[in-house]
Protein backbone atom coordinates (compact mmCIF):
# COMPACT_ATOMS: atom_id res chain seq x y z
CA MET A 1 0.00 0.00 0.00
CA LEU A 2 1.45 3.34 -1.01
CA LYS A 3 1.83 6.01 1.60
CA SER A 4 0.84 9.54 0.79
CA LEU A 5 3.66 12.16 0.79
CA SER A 6 3.18 14.58 3.62
CA PHE A 7 3.99 18.29 3.44
CA SER A 8 6.88 17.94 5.88
CA ASN A 9 8.51 15.23 3.76
CA TRP A 10 8.11 17.31 0.59
CA GLN A 11 9.61 20.36 2.32
CA GLY A 12 12.61 18.36 3.51
CA THR A 13 13.27 17.00 0.02
CA THR A 14 13.18 20.49 -1.50
CA LEU A 15 15.62 21.77 1.10
CA GLN A 16 18.02 18.93 0.36
CA ARG A 17 17.87 19.67 -3.38
CA PHE A 18 18.52 23.35 -2.72
CA ILE A 19 21.58 22.51 -0.63
CA CYS A 20 22.90 20.19 -3.33
CA TYR A 21 22.41 22.81 -6.04
CA SER A 22 24.16 25.43 -3.86
CA ILE A 23 27.18 23.16 -3.35
CA VAL A 24 27.43 22.53 -7.11
CA LEU A 25 27.23 26.26 -7.91
CA LEU A 26 29.80 27.08 -5.25
CA SER A 27 32.18 24.47 -6.68
CA LEU A 28 31.80 25.95 -10.17
CA LEU A 29 32.56 29.44 -8.85
CA LEU A 30 35.68 28.18 -7.10
CA ILE A 31 36.87 26.54 -10.32
CA LEU A 32 36.28 29.75 -12.27
CA CYS A 33 38.06 31.88 -9.67
CA THR A 34 41.02 29.50 -9.67
CA GLY A 35 41.53 30.17 -13.38
CA CYS A 36 40.45 33.81 -13.30
CA THR A 37 43.85 34.98 -14.55
CA SER A 38 43.19 33.40 -17.93
CA PHE A 39 39.40 33.65 -17.99
CA ARG A 40 37.79 36.69 -19.59
CA LEU A 41 34.41 37.48 -21.01
CA PRO A 42 33.88 37.92 -24.77
CA GLY A 43 34.95 41.42 -25.81
CA GLN A 44 36.96 41.96 -22.63
CA SER A 45 40.58 43.15 -23.14
CA ALA A 46 43.41 40.94 -21.99
CA GLU A 47 45.92 42.41 -19.53
CA VAL A 48 49.54 43.20 -20.36
CA ASN A 49 52.18 42.95 -17.63
CA LEU A 50 55.68 44.44 -17.48
CA ASP A 51 58.38 42.04 -16.32
CA LEU A 52 61.60 43.02 -14.52
CA GLN A 53 64.69 40.96 -13.61
CA VAL A 54 67.88 42.20 -11.92
CA SER A 55 71.19 40.33 -11.88
CA PRO A 56 74.71 41.43 -10.82
CA GLY A 57 77.09 42.19 -13.68
CA ASN A 58 80.70 41.15 -14.16
CA PHE A 59 81.98 44.11 -12.13
CA ALA A 60 81.07 45.32 -8.66
CA GLY A 61 78.39 47.99 -8.70
CA VAL A 62 77.18 47.02 -12.19
CA TYR A 63 73.76 45.37 -12.62
CA ASN A 64 72.07 43.91 -15.67
CA ILE A 65 68.39 44.86 -15.91
CA SER A 66 66.10 43.06 -18.33
CA GLY A 67 62.47 42.22 -18.81
CA SER A 68 59.69 41.32 -21.19
CA ALA A 69 56.37 42.87 -22.16
CA ASP A 70 53.90 42.43 -25.00
CA LEU A 71 54.44 46.00 -26.18
CA PRO A 72 55.15 47.51 -29.62
CA ASN A 73 58.75 47.70 -30.76
CA GLN A 74 60.69 50.89 -29.91
CA THR A 75 58.57 51.51 -26.81
CA LYS A 76 60.73 53.53 -24.40
CA ILE A 77 61.15 52.28 -20.83
CA ALA A 78 62.89 54.41 -18.18
CA VAL A 79 65.07 52.26 -15.93
CA ALA A 80 66.54 53.66 -12.70
CA ALA A 81 68.20 52.54 -9.48
CA VAL A 82 67.20 54.45 -6.32
CA ARG A 83 68.43 54.33 -2.73
CA TYR A 84 66.35 55.94 0.01
CA LEU A 85 68.15 58.15 2.54
CA TYR A 86 66.91 58.93 6.05
CA PRO A 87 68.17 62.24 7.55
CA THR A 88 69.76 61.82 10.98
CA GLN A 89 71.20 65.31 11.51
CA SER A 90 71.04 68.51 9.51
CA ILE A 91 72.34 72.04 9.84
CA ASN A 92 69.12 73.20 8.17
CA GLN A 93 66.23 72.98 10.63
CA ALA A 94 63.70 73.28 7.78
CA ILE A 95 64.56 69.76 6.62
CA THR A 96 62.13 67.31 8.16
CA ASP A 97 62.56 63.68 9.08
CA ARG A 98 60.91 62.53 5.86
CA PRO A 99 63.23 60.34 3.78
CA THR A 100 64.75 61.55 0.57
CA TYR A 101 66.31 59.48 -2.18
CA SER A 102 69.22 59.44 -4.58
CA VAL A 103 69.06 58.27 -8.19
CA LEU A 104 72.22 56.19 -8.53
CA ASP A 105 71.91 55.65 -12.28
CA TYR A 106 69.36 56.10 -15.04
CA GLN A 107 69.13 54.58 -18.51
CA GLU A 108 66.50 54.26 -21.21
CA ALA A 109 65.68 50.83 -22.64
CA GLU A 110 63.77 50.02 -25.80
CA ILE A 111 61.37 47.16 -26.50
CA LYS A 112 62.50 44.81 -29.28
CA ASP A 113 60.58 41.62 -30.00
CA LYS A 114 58.82 41.90 -26.60
CA GLN A 115 62.17 42.04 -24.78
CA TRP A 116 64.24 44.86 -23.28
CA GLN A 117 67.54 45.14 -21.43
CA THR A 118 70.04 47.67 -20.16
CA ARG A 119 72.88 48.06 -17.65
CA LEU A 120 73.17 50.32 -14.62
CA ASN A 121 76.42 51.41 -13.00
CA LEU A 122 75.65 52.41 -9.42
CA TRP A 123 79.10 53.66 -8.45
CA GLN A 124 81.16 56.66 -9.44
CA VAL A 125 84.84 57.44 -8.91
CA ALA A 126 85.71 60.34 -6.62
CA LYS A 127 88.74 62.59 -7.17
CA ASP A 128 90.76 60.64 -4.62
CA GLY A 129 89.97 57.31 -6.31
CA ARG A 130 87.23 56.15 -3.92
CA TYR A 131 84.21 54.36 -5.33
CA ALA A 132 81.09 56.13 -4.12
CA GLU A 133 77.42 56.55 -4.87
CA ALA A 134 76.15 59.86 -6.20
CA TRP A 135 74.73 61.05 -2.86
CA GLN A 136 78.05 60.37 -1.11
CA LEU A 137 79.86 62.71 -3.49
CA GLU A 138 77.32 65.48 -2.91
CA GLN A 139 76.96 64.99 0.86
CA PRO A 140 79.77 67.41 1.90
CA LYS A 141 78.08 70.21 -0.07
CA THR A 142 74.63 69.68 1.45
CA GLY A 143 75.67 69.44 5.09
CA LEU A 144 73.10 66.69 5.57
CA THR A 145 73.88 63.56 7.55
CA VAL A 146 71.81 60.61 6.37
CA ALA A 147 71.44 56.90 7.00
CA PRO A 148 71.13 54.98 3.71
CA ALA A 149 68.57 52.22 3.34
CA PRO A 150 70.18 48.78 3.04
CA GLU A 151 68.39 47.95 -0.22
CA ILE A 152 68.37 49.52 -3.66
CA ILE A 153 65.10 49.79 -5.57
CA PHE A 154 65.23 49.12 -9.31
CA LEU A 155 62.39 50.72 -11.29
CA ALA A 156 61.12 50.20 -14.84
CA THR A 157 58.63 52.89 -15.82
CA LEU A 158 56.52 53.92 -18.78
CA THR A 159 56.24 57.61 -18.01
CA PRO A 160 53.11 59.71 -18.63
CA GLY A 161 52.87 61.57 -21.90
CA LYS A 162 52.29 61.11 -25.60
CA ASN A 163 54.45 57.98 -25.72
CA LEU A 164 52.33 56.15 -23.18
CA ALA A 165 49.07 57.33 -24.78
CA ARG A 166 50.23 56.05 -28.18
CA VAL A 167 51.16 52.67 -26.70
CA GLU A 168 47.77 52.44 -25.01
CA GLN A 169 46.01 53.10 -28.32
CA GLN A 170 48.07 50.42 -30.07
CA LEU A 171 47.21 47.91 -27.33
CA ALA A 172 43.51 48.76 -27.56
CA GLN A 173 43.57 47.90 -31.27
CA ARG A 174 44.70 44.41 -30.27
CA SER A 175 42.15 44.14 -27.42
CA LEU A 176 44.90 44.53 -24.84
CA ARG A 177 45.29 46.84 -21.86
CA PHE A 178 47.77 47.38 -19.03
CA SER A 179 47.19 45.37 -15.90
CA SER A 180 45.77 47.33 -12.99
CA ALA A 181 48.48 45.82 -10.78
CA ILE A 182 51.21 47.87 -12.50
CA THR A 183 49.36 51.15 -13.14
CA ARG A 184 50.11 54.10 -10.88
CA SER A 185 48.87 57.68 -10.60
CA THR A 186 50.78 60.90 -9.92
CA SER A 187 49.63 63.63 -7.55
CA ASP A 188 48.37 65.53 -10.62
CA GLY A 189 46.19 62.62 -11.72
CA ASP A 190 48.41 61.47 -14.60
CA TRP A 191 48.79 57.71 -14.73
CA TYR A 192 51.85 55.70 -15.61
CA VAL A 193 53.06 52.09 -15.63
CA GLN A 194 55.77 50.91 -13.24
CA VAL A 195 57.26 47.75 -11.77
CA SER A 196 60.00 47.52 -9.16
CA GLN A 197 62.38 45.09 -7.51
CA SER A 198 64.51 45.69 -4.43
CA MET A 199 67.89 44.16 -3.72
CA THR A 200 70.17 44.52 -0.71
CA ALA A 201 73.47 46.18 -1.70
CA GLY A 202 76.12 47.58 0.61
CA LEU A 203 78.06 50.77 0.08
CA PRO A 204 81.27 50.57 -1.97
CA ASN A 205 84.53 50.37 -0.02
CA ASP A 206 86.99 49.79 -2.85
CA LYS A 207 89.43 52.27 -4.31
CA THR A 208 91.13 52.85 -7.65
CA ALA A 209 93.63 55.28 -9.11
CA PRO A 210 92.66 58.96 -8.63
CA LEU A 211 91.08 60.65 -11.60
CA LEU A 212 93.07 63.20 -13.54
CA GLN A 213 90.98 66.34 -13.93
CA SER A 214 91.34 68.04 -17.27
CA ASN A 215 91.14 71.79 -17.80
CA LYS A 216 87.78 71.42 -19.54
CA GLU A 217 86.25 69.86 -16.42
CA ASN A 218 87.21 72.90 -14.34
CA ASN A 219 84.58 75.53 -15.13
CA ASP A 220 84.50 74.55 -18.82
CA GLY A 221 88.17 75.35 -19.20
CA TRP A 222 87.98 78.82 -17.63
CA GLY A 223 89.38 77.62 -14.31
CA ASP A 224 88.56 79.33 -11.02
CA ARG A 225 87.28 82.70 -12.22
CA TYR A 226 87.11 84.10 -8.69
CA VAL A 227 90.90 83.86 -8.33
CA LEU A 228 92.50 87.22 -9.24
CA VAL A 229 95.69 86.66 -11.18
CA PRO A 230 98.20 89.50 -10.51
CA GLU A 231 99.17 91.43 -13.61
CA PRO A 232 102.87 91.71 -14.45
CA PRO A 233 104.47 95.14 -13.95
CA ASN A 234 104.55 97.51 -16.91
CA PRO A 235 108.11 97.61 -18.29
CA ILE A 236 107.58 101.10 -19.76
CA GLN A 237 108.06 103.95 -17.31
CA LEU A 238 105.52 106.74 -17.97
CA GLU A 239 106.30 110.29 -16.85
CA GLN A 240 103.88 113.11 -16.18
CA PRO A 241 104.46 115.87 -18.80
CA SER A 242 105.61 119.16 -17.29
CA ASN A 243 103.77 121.36 -19.79
CA ARG A 244 100.15 121.16 -20.85
CA ARG A 245 99.99 119.81 -24.41
CA THR A 246 96.45 120.69 -25.43
CA ASN A 247 94.46 123.77 -26.27
CA ALA A 248 91.28 122.48 -24.65
CA PRO A 249 89.68 124.61 -21.94
CA TYR A 250 90.92 123.98 -18.41
CA SER A 251 88.81 121.63 -16.32
CA ALA A 252 87.61 122.40 -12.81
CA ALA A 253 90.12 119.98 -11.33
CA GLU A 254 92.99 121.80 -13.05
CA PHE A 255 91.89 125.11 -11.56
CA LEU A 256 92.01 123.64 -8.06
CA ARG A 257 95.58 122.33 -8.30
């Protein structure tokens, strides 16, 4: 004999089906989210990333910077190495405790077949032959005592301007756009593209032969213009004439003599 289905049994069956459907939908969403980096809706632009790798060169203080990006050939990329400096003592009380920075080197790289590379030399040679970073050479002139950060930040940037706008238009024609993870905005609202990588690098302590300064390096060849060079004595002895040798009227000074 068949038993009739009560309302409570029917309600429990519906609830079980709803739970099962919810679990299936949740599983599908998890699968989609797991592959969200490659999944995009029809008509949606794919994202373009800018890659950056840093490796030490054959000489101390020299670094090879390279990367890849799906960008048009001859796209200009500004590559720089920056070290942050934290003021510890200053003769100028207007300088706050906010950190400043020093650009150790700057080069411009160019995209070719989706690849780019350049080389940065972070050290310079002082007059006495010491290897030093740019801020160390300028520190005696500024009177600012700073503590350098232990790491150097390497930056690859597509700067704002016509070049970046042209690249964006070319990418849009191919249904591509820059990834939001690498886009930045200036204080004026202009946006740019930038990636970075930090690497711990100590200060140079080596030394080489002192540089020989040429005359052209000293005030463009003029030397120290503030130094007054004494003129040699005049070899011709000039005597004051005893008689007036002009028929011009006497001046007031001559009347007073």
